[in-house]
Amino acid sequence: MTHRGPRIILWRHGQTAWNLERRFQGSTDIELTETGVAQAKRAARLLASLKPDAIIASDLKRAGATAGELSAITGLPVTHEEALRETYAGEWQGLTHDEIIARFGDQYAAWKRGEAVRRGGGELETEVADRAAPVVLRHAEKLPEDGTLVVVSHGGTIRTTIGRLLGLEPHHWEGLGGLTNCCWSVLGRGARGWRLLEHNAGTLPEAVLGDDD
């Protein structure tokens, strides 16, 4: 019998009102919309079929509510981790995409070029990876041989964590496209480390609405 090894599913939370308004959330604690709850219920049914062994989630409401839908189906408890929160972005938080470009245009452009930027005076992307990736790895190490860990977090945090686990240089993390609400990416353990098996899975292609678009 062959073993596929451990698997990590990184699942973005469902839709929020600020997503629809293209308003930067960051670490602001915003709840799911009714649509976001429905997205989480649908995705949870799909993810439950993968028979996860453990669920961890950001302690922000939008991630916790999303994780709760999978917990309700599988009976698994959710371990909440502050380290899985979205990037703190200081003055950017609460602003729309257009407002950010109008007020912080140079900073925004530098970020998109892959430069190390403290958006709004907040965290660097590498600092987000520094806090989130070790937590994911710590929980992954507890899995059974072919176990599956579901990580419920946020678009930016998931992207930086994937980049770190794949060993990509931070400048190249932008090459990982954003996640649609309630879609997920899958990492599997290969001979030379973690491999990206699926990215932005869960629906037909849709627009990405969120901080990481």
N, C-alpha and C. Protein backbone atom coordinates (compact mmCIF):
# COMPACT_ATOMS: atom_id res chain seq x y z
N MET A 1 0.85 -1.20 0.00
CA MET A 1 0.00 0.00 0.00
C MET A 1 0.89 1.25 0.00
N THR A 2 0.63 2.14 -0.92
CA THR A 2 1.41 3.38 -0.98
C THR A 2 0.81 4.43 -0.06
N HIS A 3 1.68 5.31 0.45
CA HIS A 3 1.24 6.37 1.33
C HIS A 3 1.42 7.71 0.61
N ARG A 4 0.42 8.56 0.68
CA ARG A 4 0.51 9.86 0.01
C ARG A 4 1.16 10.91 0.91
N GLY A 5 1.26 10.63 2.21
CA GLY A 5 1.84 11.58 3.13
C GLY A 5 0.84 12.61 3.62
N PRO A 6 1.27 13.50 4.51
CA PRO A 6 0.36 14.50 5.07
C PRO A 6 -0.08 15.52 4.02
N ARG A 7 -1.20 16.15 4.30
CA ARG A 7 -1.79 17.13 3.37
C ARG A 7 -2.28 18.32 4.19
N ILE A 8 -2.03 19.52 3.67
CA ILE A 8 -2.51 20.75 4.31
C ILE A 8 -3.46 21.45 3.35
N ILE A 9 -4.68 21.71 3.82
CA ILE A 9 -5.67 22.46 3.03
C ILE A 9 -5.80 23.84 3.64
N LEU A 10 -5.47 24.86 2.88
CA LEU A 10 -5.55 26.25 3.34
C LEU A 10 -6.79 26.87 2.73
N TRP A 11 -7.77 27.16 3.59
CA TRP A 11 -9.13 27.52 3.18
C TRP A 11 -9.42 28.97 3.57
N ARG A 12 -9.75 29.78 2.57
CA ARG A 12 -10.08 31.17 2.87
C ARG A 12 -11.52 31.28 3.35
N HIS A 13 -11.77 32.24 4.23
CA HIS A 13 -13.10 32.46 4.80
C HIS A 13 -14.12 32.89 3.73
N GLY A 14 -15.40 32.86 4.10
CA GLY A 14 -16.47 33.28 3.21
C GLY A 14 -16.57 34.79 3.07
N GLN A 15 -17.49 35.18 2.24
CA GLN A 15 -17.68 36.59 1.88
C GLN A 15 -18.09 37.46 3.08
N THR A 16 -17.56 38.68 3.10
CA THR A 16 -17.97 39.70 4.07
C THR A 16 -18.47 40.92 3.32
N ALA A 17 -19.14 41.81 4.03
CA ALA A 17 -19.61 43.05 3.42
C ALA A 17 -18.44 43.89 2.92
N TRP A 18 -17.33 43.88 3.65
CA TRP A 18 -16.17 44.67 3.23
C TRP A 18 -15.53 44.10 1.97
N ASN A 19 -15.62 42.77 1.79
CA ASN A 19 -15.16 42.20 0.52
C ASN A 19 -15.95 42.79 -0.65
N LEU A 20 -17.27 42.86 -0.49
CA LEU A 20 -18.11 43.38 -1.57
C LEU A 20 -17.82 44.85 -1.85
N GLU A 21 -17.49 45.59 -0.80
CA GLU A 21 -17.20 47.02 -0.95
C GLU A 21 -15.75 47.27 -1.37
N ARG A 22 -14.98 46.19 -1.54
CA ARG A 22 -13.55 46.29 -1.84
C ARG A 22 -12.86 47.16 -0.80
N ARG A 23 -13.21 46.91 0.44
CA ARG A 23 -12.67 47.66 1.57
C ARG A 23 -11.64 46.78 2.29
N PHE A 24 -10.45 47.31 2.54
CA PHE A 24 -9.36 46.52 3.10
C PHE A 24 -9.69 46.15 4.55
N GLN A 25 -9.72 44.85 4.83
CA GLN A 25 -10.09 44.38 6.16
C GLN A 25 -8.88 44.26 7.08
N GLY A 26 -7.83 43.60 6.61
CA GLY A 26 -6.70 43.35 7.48
C GLY A 26 -7.13 42.61 8.73
N SER A 27 -6.71 43.10 9.89
CA SER A 27 -7.04 42.43 11.15
C SER A 27 -8.35 42.93 11.76
N THR A 28 -9.09 43.81 11.04
CA THR A 28 -10.40 44.24 11.52
C THR A 28 -11.33 43.03 11.58
N ASP A 29 -12.13 42.92 12.63
CA ASP A 29 -12.93 41.72 12.86
C ASP A 29 -14.31 41.87 12.23
N ILE A 30 -14.44 41.45 11.00
CA ILE A 30 -15.67 41.60 10.21
C ILE A 30 -16.35 40.24 10.10
N GLU A 31 -17.69 40.23 10.22
CA GLU A 31 -18.44 38.98 10.16
C GLU A 31 -18.80 38.60 8.72
N LEU A 32 -19.19 37.35 8.53
CA LEU A 32 -19.65 36.89 7.24
C LEU A 32 -21.01 37.48 6.88
N THR A 33 -21.26 37.66 5.59
CA THR A 33 -22.60 37.96 5.11
C THR A 33 -23.41 36.66 5.06
N GLU A 34 -24.69 36.78 4.75
CA GLU A 34 -25.50 35.57 4.56
C GLU A 34 -24.94 34.73 3.42
N THR A 35 -24.48 35.39 2.38
CA THR A 35 -23.86 34.67 1.27
C THR A 35 -22.60 33.97 1.74
N GLY A 36 -21.82 34.65 2.59
CA GLY A 36 -20.59 34.05 3.11
C GLY A 36 -20.86 32.80 3.92
N VAL A 37 -21.93 32.81 4.71
CA VAL A 37 -22.30 31.62 5.48
C VAL A 37 -22.70 30.48 4.53
N ALA A 38 -23.47 30.82 3.49
CA ALA A 38 -23.87 29.80 2.51
C ALA A 38 -22.65 29.22 1.79
N GLN A 39 -21.69 30.09 1.46
CA GLN A 39 -20.45 29.61 0.84
C GLN A 39 -19.72 28.63 1.75
N ALA A 40 -19.66 28.98 3.04
CA ALA A 40 -18.96 28.13 3.99
C ALA A 40 -19.65 26.77 4.13
N LYS A 41 -20.98 26.78 4.16
CA LYS A 41 -21.73 25.52 4.26
C LYS A 41 -21.46 24.62 3.06
N ARG A 42 -21.47 25.23 1.87
CA ARG A 42 -21.24 24.45 0.65
C ARG A 42 -19.82 23.88 0.63
N ALA A 43 -18.85 24.74 0.89
CA ALA A 43 -17.45 24.30 0.87
C ALA A 43 -17.19 23.25 1.94
N ALA A 44 -17.81 23.41 3.10
CA ALA A 44 -17.60 22.46 4.19
C ALA A 44 -18.03 21.05 3.79
N ARG A 45 -19.12 20.95 3.04
CA ARG A 45 -19.57 19.63 2.58
C ARG A 45 -18.52 18.99 1.68
N LEU A 46 -17.90 19.79 0.83
CA LEU A 46 -16.87 19.25 -0.06
C LEU A 46 -15.62 18.86 0.73
N LEU A 47 -15.20 19.73 1.64
CA LEU A 47 -13.99 19.46 2.39
C LEU A 47 -14.16 18.29 3.36
N ALA A 48 -15.37 18.12 3.89
CA ALA A 48 -15.61 17.00 4.79
C ALA A 48 -15.37 15.67 4.09
N SER A 49 -15.61 15.64 2.78
CA SER A 49 -15.41 14.39 2.03
C SER A 49 -13.93 14.01 1.94
N LEU A 50 -13.04 14.97 2.23
CA LEU A 50 -11.60 14.68 2.25
C LEU A 50 -11.14 14.12 3.59
N LYS A 51 -12.08 13.98 4.51
CA LYS A 51 -11.84 13.35 5.81
C LYS A 51 -10.67 14.01 6.58
N PRO A 52 -10.83 15.28 6.90
CA PRO A 52 -9.76 15.95 7.65
C PRO A 52 -9.58 15.35 9.03
N ASP A 53 -8.37 15.51 9.55
CA ASP A 53 -8.04 15.01 10.89
C ASP A 53 -8.01 16.12 11.92
N ALA A 54 -7.83 17.36 11.48
CA ALA A 54 -7.73 18.49 12.41
C ALA A 54 -8.10 19.78 11.69
N ILE A 55 -8.63 20.74 12.45
CA ILE A 55 -9.01 22.05 11.92
C ILE A 55 -8.39 23.11 12.81
N ILE A 56 -7.67 24.04 12.20
CA ILE A 56 -7.20 25.23 12.93
C ILE A 56 -7.69 26.46 12.17
N ALA A 57 -7.86 27.56 12.89
CA ALA A 57 -8.43 28.74 12.26
C ALA A 57 -7.92 30.01 12.92
N SER A 58 -7.87 31.07 12.13
CA SER A 58 -7.69 32.42 12.68
C SER A 58 -8.77 32.68 13.72
N ASP A 59 -8.45 33.51 14.70
CA ASP A 59 -9.44 33.81 15.74
C ASP A 59 -10.37 34.97 15.36
N LEU A 60 -10.26 35.50 14.13
CA LEU A 60 -11.20 36.52 13.67
C LEU A 60 -12.53 35.86 13.29
N LYS A 61 -13.63 36.60 13.46
CA LYS A 61 -14.97 36.03 13.33
C LYS A 61 -15.22 35.39 11.98
N ARG A 62 -14.75 36.03 10.92
CA ARG A 62 -15.05 35.51 9.57
C ARG A 62 -14.41 34.15 9.33
N ALA A 63 -13.23 33.94 9.90
CA ALA A 63 -12.58 32.64 9.78
C ALA A 63 -13.19 31.62 10.74
N GLY A 64 -13.49 32.07 11.96
CA GLY A 64 -14.08 31.17 12.93
C GLY A 64 -15.43 30.63 12.50
N ALA A 65 -16.26 31.50 11.91
CA ALA A 65 -17.58 31.07 11.45
C ALA A 65 -17.45 30.09 10.28
N THR A 66 -16.48 30.34 9.41
CA THR A 66 -16.25 29.44 8.28
C THR A 66 -15.80 28.08 8.78
N ALA A 67 -14.84 28.07 9.69
CA ALA A 67 -14.35 26.81 10.26
C ALA A 67 -15.46 26.07 11.00
N GLY A 68 -16.35 26.82 11.63
CA GLY A 68 -17.43 26.20 12.38
C GLY A 68 -18.34 25.33 11.54
N GLU A 69 -18.50 25.70 10.27
CA GLU A 69 -19.36 24.89 9.38
C GLU A 69 -18.74 23.52 9.12
N LEU A 70 -17.41 23.48 8.98
CA LEU A 70 -16.74 22.18 8.79
C LEU A 70 -16.74 21.39 10.09
N SER A 71 -16.57 22.07 11.19
CA SER A 71 -16.62 21.41 12.50
C SER A 71 -17.98 20.75 12.73
N ALA A 72 -19.05 21.46 12.33
CA ALA A 72 -20.40 20.95 12.54
C ALA A 72 -20.64 19.65 11.78
N ILE A 73 -20.02 19.51 10.61
CA ILE A 73 -20.20 18.30 9.80
C ILE A 73 -19.30 17.16 10.29
N THR A 74 -18.05 17.50 10.58
CA THR A 74 -17.07 16.46 10.91
C THR A 74 -17.02 16.09 12.39
N GLY A 75 -17.50 16.99 13.25
CA GLY A 75 -17.39 16.77 14.69
C GLY A 75 -16.02 17.10 15.25
N LEU A 76 -15.11 17.59 14.39
CA LEU A 76 -13.77 17.95 14.86
C LEU A 76 -13.81 19.30 15.57
N PRO A 77 -13.05 19.46 16.65
CA PRO A 77 -12.96 20.78 17.28
C PRO A 77 -12.12 21.72 16.42
N VAL A 78 -12.32 23.02 16.62
CA VAL A 78 -11.52 24.03 15.93
C VAL A 78 -10.54 24.63 16.94
N THR A 79 -9.26 24.62 16.61
CA THR A 79 -8.25 25.29 17.42
C THR A 79 -8.01 26.67 16.83
N HIS A 80 -8.29 27.71 17.61
CA HIS A 80 -8.15 29.09 17.11
C HIS A 80 -6.75 29.61 17.41
N GLU A 81 -6.12 30.19 16.39
CA GLU A 81 -4.75 30.68 16.50
C GLU A 81 -4.68 32.13 16.06
N GLU A 82 -4.30 33.01 16.96
CA GLU A 82 -4.15 34.43 16.62
C GLU A 82 -3.13 34.63 15.51
N ALA A 83 -2.15 33.76 15.44
CA ALA A 83 -1.09 33.88 14.44
C ALA A 83 -1.60 33.70 13.01
N LEU A 84 -2.80 33.20 12.85
CA LEU A 84 -3.37 33.00 11.51
C LEU A 84 -4.22 34.18 11.04
N ARG A 85 -4.22 35.27 11.81
CA ARG A 85 -4.97 36.46 11.39
C ARG A 85 -4.44 37.04 10.09
N GLU A 86 -5.28 37.84 9.43
CA GLU A 86 -4.85 38.55 8.23
C GLU A 86 -3.80 39.59 8.58
N THR A 87 -3.05 40.02 7.59
CA THR A 87 -2.01 41.04 7.73
C THR A 87 -2.58 42.30 8.37
N TYR A 88 -1.90 42.79 9.40
CA TYR A 88 -2.26 44.09 9.96
C TYR A 88 -1.73 45.16 9.02
N ALA A 89 -2.62 46.05 8.57
CA ALA A 89 -2.25 47.04 7.56
C ALA A 89 -2.49 48.48 7.99
N GLY A 90 -2.51 48.72 9.30
CA GLY A 90 -2.53 50.09 9.81
C GLY A 90 -3.56 50.99 9.15
N GLU A 91 -3.07 52.08 8.55
CA GLU A 91 -3.96 53.10 7.98
C GLU A 91 -4.74 52.62 6.76
N TRP A 92 -4.34 51.53 6.17
CA TRP A 92 -5.09 51.00 5.02
C TRP A 92 -6.41 50.38 5.46
N GLN A 93 -6.48 49.89 6.68
CA GLN A 93 -7.66 49.13 7.10
C GLN A 93 -8.89 50.03 7.14
N GLY A 94 -9.95 49.55 6.53
CA GLY A 94 -11.19 50.30 6.45
C GLY A 94 -11.31 51.15 5.21
N LEU A 95 -10.23 51.28 4.45
CA LEU A 95 -10.27 52.07 3.21
C LEU A 95 -10.64 51.18 2.03
N THR A 96 -11.31 51.76 1.04
CA THR A 96 -11.59 51.02 -0.18
C THR A 96 -10.32 50.95 -1.03
N HIS A 97 -10.36 50.07 -2.02
CA HIS A 97 -9.24 49.92 -2.94
C HIS A 97 -8.90 51.26 -3.59
N ASP A 98 -9.92 51.99 -4.06
CA ASP A 98 -9.68 53.29 -4.71
C ASP A 98 -9.11 54.31 -3.74
N GLU A 99 -9.57 54.29 -2.49
CA GLU A 99 -9.05 55.23 -1.49
C GLU A 99 -7.58 54.95 -1.18
N ILE A 100 -7.23 53.67 -1.14
CA ILE A 100 -5.83 53.31 -0.88
C ILE A 100 -4.93 53.82 -2.01
N ILE A 101 -5.36 53.62 -3.24
CA ILE A 101 -4.56 54.07 -4.38
C ILE A 101 -4.44 55.60 -4.37
N ALA A 102 -5.53 56.29 -4.03
CA ALA A 102 -5.51 57.76 -4.01
C ALA A 102 -4.60 58.30 -2.92
N ARG A 103 -4.60 57.66 -1.75
CA ARG A 103 -3.85 58.19 -0.60
C ARG A 103 -2.47 57.58 -0.44
N PHE A 104 -2.30 56.35 -0.91
CA PHE A 104 -1.03 55.64 -0.71
C PHE A 104 -0.56 55.02 -2.03
N GLY A 105 -0.69 55.77 -3.10
CA GLY A 105 -0.41 55.23 -4.43
C GLY A 105 1.00 54.70 -4.60
N ASP A 106 1.99 55.41 -4.11
CA ASP A 106 3.38 54.96 -4.24
C ASP A 106 3.62 53.68 -3.44
N GLN A 107 3.04 53.65 -2.24
CA GLN A 107 3.19 52.48 -1.38
C GLN A 107 2.51 51.26 -2.02
N TYR A 108 1.34 51.48 -2.57
CA TYR A 108 0.60 50.40 -3.22
C TYR A 108 1.39 49.85 -4.41
N ALA A 109 1.92 50.75 -5.22
CA ALA A 109 2.68 50.34 -6.40
C ALA A 109 3.94 49.55 -6.00
N ALA A 110 4.60 50.01 -4.94
CA ALA A 110 5.80 49.31 -4.47
C ALA A 110 5.46 47.90 -3.98
N TRP A 111 4.33 47.77 -3.28
CA TRP A 111 3.88 46.46 -2.82
C TRP A 111 3.63 45.54 -4.00
N LYS A 112 2.95 46.04 -5.02
CA LYS A 112 2.64 45.21 -6.19
C LYS A 112 3.90 44.83 -6.96
N ARG A 113 4.95 45.64 -6.84
CA ARG A 113 6.23 45.29 -7.49
C ARG A 113 6.99 44.23 -6.70
N GLY A 114 6.50 43.90 -5.54
CA GLY A 114 7.15 42.88 -4.72
C GLY A 114 8.15 43.42 -3.73
N GLU A 115 8.13 44.73 -3.51
CA GLU A 115 9.04 45.32 -2.54
C GLU A 115 8.52 45.09 -1.11
N ALA A 116 9.43 45.12 -0.16
CA ALA A 116 9.05 44.96 1.25
C ALA A 116 8.42 46.26 1.73
N VAL A 117 7.11 46.25 1.89
CA VAL A 117 6.36 47.47 2.22
C VAL A 117 5.51 47.22 3.46
N ARG A 118 5.58 48.17 4.39
CA ARG A 118 4.67 48.14 5.54
C ARG A 118 3.41 48.89 5.14
N ARG A 119 2.48 48.17 4.57
CA ARG A 119 1.25 48.81 4.08
C ARG A 119 0.52 49.52 5.22
N GLY A 120 0.32 50.82 5.07
CA GLY A 120 -0.34 51.59 6.11
C GLY A 120 0.43 51.65 7.42
N GLY A 121 1.71 51.30 7.39
CA GLY A 121 2.49 51.24 8.62
C GLY A 121 2.35 49.93 9.36
N GLY A 122 1.79 48.93 8.72
CA GLY A 122 1.54 47.65 9.37
C GLY A 122 2.65 46.64 9.17
N GLU A 123 2.26 45.36 9.05
CA GLU A 123 3.22 44.26 8.97
C GLU A 123 3.80 44.11 7.57
N LEU A 124 5.04 43.63 7.52
CA LEU A 124 5.60 43.13 6.27
C LEU A 124 5.03 41.75 5.97
N GLU A 125 4.96 41.41 4.69
CA GLU A 125 4.47 40.07 4.34
C GLU A 125 5.35 38.98 4.94
N THR A 126 6.65 39.23 5.02
CA THR A 126 7.54 38.23 5.62
C THR A 126 7.25 38.05 7.10
N GLU A 127 6.80 39.11 7.78
CA GLU A 127 6.45 39.00 9.20
C GLU A 127 5.17 38.18 9.38
N VAL A 128 4.25 38.30 8.42
CA VAL A 128 3.04 37.47 8.46
C VAL A 128 3.41 36.00 8.32
N ALA A 129 4.30 35.71 7.37
CA ALA A 129 4.75 34.33 7.18
C ALA A 129 5.51 33.84 8.41
N ASP A 130 6.27 34.72 9.04
CA ASP A 130 7.04 34.35 10.24
C ASP A 130 6.13 33.88 11.37
N ARG A 131 4.94 34.48 11.47
CA ARG A 131 4.04 34.08 12.57
C ARG A 131 3.11 32.94 12.18
N ALA A 132 2.69 32.91 10.92
CA ALA A 132 1.67 31.93 10.52
C ALA A 132 2.26 30.57 10.14
N ALA A 133 3.32 30.56 9.34
CA ALA A 133 3.85 29.29 8.83
C ALA A 133 4.28 28.33 9.95
N PRO A 134 4.98 28.80 11.00
CA PRO A 134 5.36 27.85 12.06
C PRO A 134 4.17 27.21 12.76
N VAL A 135 3.07 27.96 12.90
CA VAL A 135 1.87 27.41 13.54
C VAL A 135 1.28 26.30 12.66
N VAL A 136 1.21 26.55 11.36
CA VAL A 136 0.71 25.53 10.44
C VAL A 136 1.58 24.28 10.50
N LEU A 137 2.89 24.47 10.46
CA LEU A 137 3.80 23.32 10.51
C LEU A 137 3.69 22.55 11.83
N ARG A 138 3.53 23.28 12.92
CA ARG A 138 3.41 22.62 14.23
C ARG A 138 2.20 21.70 14.27
N HIS A 139 1.09 22.17 13.73
CA HIS A 139 -0.11 21.33 13.72
C HIS A 139 0.02 20.21 12.68
N ALA A 140 0.68 20.47 11.57
CA ALA A 140 0.87 19.43 10.55
C ALA A 140 1.71 18.28 11.09
N GLU A 141 2.66 18.61 11.95
CA GLU A 141 3.53 17.57 12.52
C GLU A 141 2.77 16.60 13.43
N LYS A 142 1.59 17.01 13.90
CA LYS A 142 0.79 16.16 14.78
C LYS A 142 -0.11 15.20 14.00
N LEU A 143 -0.15 15.34 12.68
CA LEU A 143 -1.06 14.52 11.87
C LEU A 143 -0.61 13.06 11.84
N PRO A 144 -1.56 12.14 11.64
CA PRO A 144 -1.16 10.76 11.36
C PRO A 144 -0.45 10.70 10.00
N GLU A 145 0.04 9.54 9.65
CA GLU A 145 0.92 9.41 8.48
C GLU A 145 0.35 10.03 7.20
N ASP A 146 -0.90 9.76 6.91
CA ASP A 146 -1.53 10.30 5.71
C ASP A 146 -2.63 11.29 6.09
N GLY A 147 -2.42 12.01 7.16
CA GLY A 147 -3.47 12.88 7.70
C GLY A 147 -3.64 14.17 6.93
N THR A 148 -4.77 14.83 7.20
CA THR A 148 -5.13 16.08 6.53
C THR A 148 -5.45 17.15 7.56
N LEU A 149 -4.78 18.29 7.44
CA LEU A 149 -5.02 19.46 8.29
C LEU A 149 -5.72 20.53 7.47
N VAL A 150 -6.82 21.07 8.00
CA VAL A 150 -7.49 22.20 7.37
C VAL A 150 -7.15 23.46 8.15
N VAL A 151 -6.64 24.46 7.43
CA VAL A 151 -6.24 25.75 8.00
C VAL A 151 -7.20 26.80 7.45
N VAL A 152 -7.99 27.42 8.32
CA VAL A 152 -8.97 28.41 7.88
C VAL A 152 -8.42 29.79 8.20
N SER A 153 -8.13 30.55 7.15
CA SER A 153 -7.45 31.82 7.36
C SER A 153 -7.91 32.84 6.32
N HIS A 154 -6.99 33.69 5.90
CA HIS A 154 -7.30 34.86 5.08
C HIS A 154 -6.40 34.87 3.85
N GLY A 155 -6.85 35.58 2.80
CA GLY A 155 -6.14 35.53 1.52
C GLY A 155 -4.67 35.85 1.61
N GLY A 156 -4.33 36.98 2.23
CA GLY A 156 -2.93 37.37 2.31
C GLY A 156 -2.11 36.44 3.16
N THR A 157 -2.65 36.03 4.28
CA THR A 157 -1.93 35.13 5.18
C THR A 157 -1.72 33.77 4.52
N ILE A 158 -2.71 33.28 3.81
CA ILE A 158 -2.56 32.00 3.12
C ILE A 158 -1.50 32.10 2.04
N ARG A 159 -1.51 33.17 1.27
CA ARG A 159 -0.52 33.31 0.19
C ARG A 159 0.90 33.35 0.74
N THR A 160 1.11 34.15 1.77
CA THR A 160 2.46 34.24 2.32
C THR A 160 2.89 32.93 2.98
N THR A 161 1.95 32.23 3.59
CA THR A 161 2.27 30.94 4.20
C THR A 161 2.63 29.91 3.14
N ILE A 162 1.87 29.87 2.05
CA ILE A 162 2.21 28.96 0.96
C ILE A 162 3.59 29.28 0.41
N GLY A 163 3.83 30.58 0.17
CA GLY A 163 5.14 30.98 -0.35
C GLY A 163 6.28 30.51 0.54
N ARG A 164 6.11 30.68 1.85
CA ARG A 164 7.14 30.26 2.81
C ARG A 164 7.31 28.75 2.80
N LEU A 165 6.21 28.00 2.82
CA LEU A 165 6.31 26.54 2.89
C LEU A 165 6.88 25.96 1.61
N LEU A 166 6.67 26.62 0.49
CA LEU A 166 7.24 26.15 -0.78
C LEU A 166 8.70 26.57 -0.95
N GLY A 167 9.17 27.44 -0.06
CA GLY A 167 10.55 27.89 -0.17
C GLY A 167 10.78 28.95 -1.22
N LEU A 168 9.71 29.64 -1.64
CA LEU A 168 9.84 30.70 -2.63
C LEU A 168 10.42 31.97 -2.00
N GLU A 169 11.18 32.71 -2.76
CA GLU A 169 11.65 34.01 -2.29
C GLU A 169 10.46 34.96 -2.17
N PRO A 170 10.41 35.82 -1.15
CA PRO A 170 9.26 36.70 -0.97
C PRO A 170 8.89 37.52 -2.20
N HIS A 171 9.87 37.88 -3.00
CA HIS A 171 9.58 38.66 -4.20
C HIS A 171 8.64 37.90 -5.14
N HIS A 172 8.65 36.58 -5.06
CA HIS A 172 7.86 35.76 -5.99
C HIS A 172 6.49 35.36 -5.41
N TRP A 173 6.20 35.75 -4.17
CA TRP A 173 4.93 35.35 -3.57
C TRP A 173 3.74 35.93 -4.33
N GLU A 174 3.91 37.10 -4.94
CA GLU A 174 2.84 37.71 -5.73
C GLU A 174 2.43 36.81 -6.89
N GLY A 175 3.33 35.91 -7.31
CA GLY A 175 3.01 34.99 -8.39
C GLY A 175 1.93 33.98 -8.04
N LEU A 176 1.63 33.84 -6.76
CA LEU A 176 0.51 33.00 -6.33
C LEU A 176 -0.75 33.85 -6.35
N GLY A 177 -1.67 33.55 -7.23
CA GLY A 177 -2.89 34.35 -7.34
C GLY A 177 -3.73 34.29 -6.07
N GLY A 178 -4.61 35.27 -5.91
CA GLY A 178 -5.46 35.33 -4.73
C GLY A 178 -6.49 34.21 -4.70
N LEU A 179 -7.08 34.01 -3.53
CA LEU A 179 -8.12 33.01 -3.34
C LEU A 179 -9.50 33.67 -3.34
N THR A 180 -10.42 33.08 -4.07
CA THR A 180 -11.82 33.49 -4.01
C THR A 180 -12.39 33.13 -2.64
N ASN A 181 -13.40 33.86 -2.19
CA ASN A 181 -14.02 33.53 -0.90
C ASN A 181 -14.40 32.06 -0.83
N CYS A 182 -13.98 31.42 0.24
CA CYS A 182 -14.29 30.02 0.55
C CYS A 182 -13.67 29.02 -0.42
N CYS A 183 -12.67 29.44 -1.17
CA CYS A 183 -11.88 28.48 -1.94
C CYS A 183 -10.61 28.13 -1.17
N TRP A 184 -9.89 27.14 -1.66
CA TRP A 184 -8.77 26.62 -0.88
C TRP A 184 -7.62 26.19 -1.78
N SER A 185 -6.46 26.03 -1.16
CA SER A 185 -5.29 25.46 -1.82
C SER A 185 -4.84 24.24 -1.02
N VAL A 186 -4.18 23.33 -1.71
CA VAL A 186 -3.76 22.07 -1.09
C VAL A 186 -2.26 21.89 -1.25
N LEU A 187 -1.59 21.64 -0.14
CA LEU A 187 -0.16 21.31 -0.14
C LEU A 187 0.00 19.85 0.25
N GLY A 188 0.89 19.16 -0.45
CA GLY A 188 1.23 17.79 -0.10
C GLY A 188 2.72 17.69 0.15
N ARG A 189 3.11 16.70 0.92
CA ARG A 189 4.51 16.53 1.26
C ARG A 189 5.20 15.68 0.19
N GLY A 190 6.19 16.27 -0.49
CA GLY A 190 6.95 15.55 -1.50
C GLY A 190 8.32 15.16 -1.00
N ALA A 191 9.12 14.59 -1.88
CA ALA A 191 10.46 14.12 -1.51
C ALA A 191 11.37 15.27 -1.12
N ARG A 192 11.12 16.48 -1.67
CA ARG A 192 11.99 17.63 -1.39
C ARG A 192 11.27 18.73 -0.63
N GLY A 193 10.18 18.38 0.04
CA GLY A 193 9.45 19.38 0.81
C GLY A 193 8.01 19.50 0.37
N TRP A 194 7.37 20.58 0.77
CA TRP A 194 5.96 20.78 0.44
C TRP A 194 5.78 21.15 -1.02
N ARG A 195 4.70 20.64 -1.61
CA ARG A 195 4.38 20.89 -3.02
C ARG A 195 2.96 21.45 -3.11
N LEU A 196 2.72 22.37 -4.03
CA LEU A 196 1.38 22.92 -4.26
C LEU A 196 0.64 21.98 -5.21
N LEU A 197 -0.38 21.31 -4.69
CA LEU A 197 -1.14 20.33 -5.47
C LEU A 197 -2.36 20.95 -6.13
N GLU A 198 -3.00 21.89 -5.44
CA GLU A 198 -4.17 22.60 -5.98
C GLU A 198 -4.11 24.04 -5.49
N HIS A 199 -4.65 24.96 -6.31
CA HIS A 199 -4.68 26.36 -5.88
C HIS A 199 -6.00 26.99 -6.30
N ASN A 200 -6.63 27.69 -5.36
CA ASN A 200 -7.93 28.35 -5.58
C ASN A 200 -8.97 27.36 -6.08
N ALA A 201 -9.01 26.20 -5.44
CA ALA A 201 -9.97 25.15 -5.81
C ALA A 201 -11.31 25.40 -5.11
N GLY A 202 -12.36 24.81 -5.66
CA GLY A 202 -13.65 24.85 -4.98
C GLY A 202 -14.80 25.33 -5.82
N THR A 203 -14.54 26.16 -6.83
CA THR A 203 -15.61 26.66 -7.70
C THR A 203 -15.04 26.85 -9.10
N LEU A 204 -15.92 27.15 -10.03
CA LEU A 204 -15.46 27.67 -11.31
C LEU A 204 -14.82 29.03 -11.05
N PRO A 205 -13.92 29.49 -11.93
CA PRO A 205 -13.23 30.76 -11.68
C PRO A 205 -14.19 31.93 -11.42
N GLU A 206 -13.91 32.67 -10.36
CA GLU A 206 -14.68 33.85 -10.01
C GLU A 206 -13.71 34.98 -9.66
N ALA A 207 -14.24 36.21 -9.62
CA ALA A 207 -13.41 37.34 -9.23
C ALA A 207 -12.96 37.17 -7.79
N VAL A 208 -11.73 37.59 -7.51
CA VAL A 208 -11.20 37.58 -6.16
C VAL A 208 -11.51 38.93 -5.51
N LEU A 209 -12.29 38.91 -4.44
CA LEU A 209 -12.67 40.15 -3.74
C LEU A 209 -12.04 40.11 -2.36
N GLY A 210 -11.05 40.95 -2.14
CA GLY A 210 -10.43 40.95 -0.82
C GLY A 210 -9.13 41.71 -0.79
N ASP A 211 -8.45 41.67 0.35
CA ASP A 211 -7.22 42.43 0.57
C ASP A 211 -6.11 42.00 -0.38
N ASP A 212 -6.17 40.77 -0.86
CA ASP A 212 -5.05 40.20 -1.59
C ASP A 212 -5.22 40.27 -3.11
N ASP A 213 -6.24 41.03 -3.59
CA ASP A 213 -6.47 41.06 -5.04
C ASP A 213 -5.64 42.15 -5.70
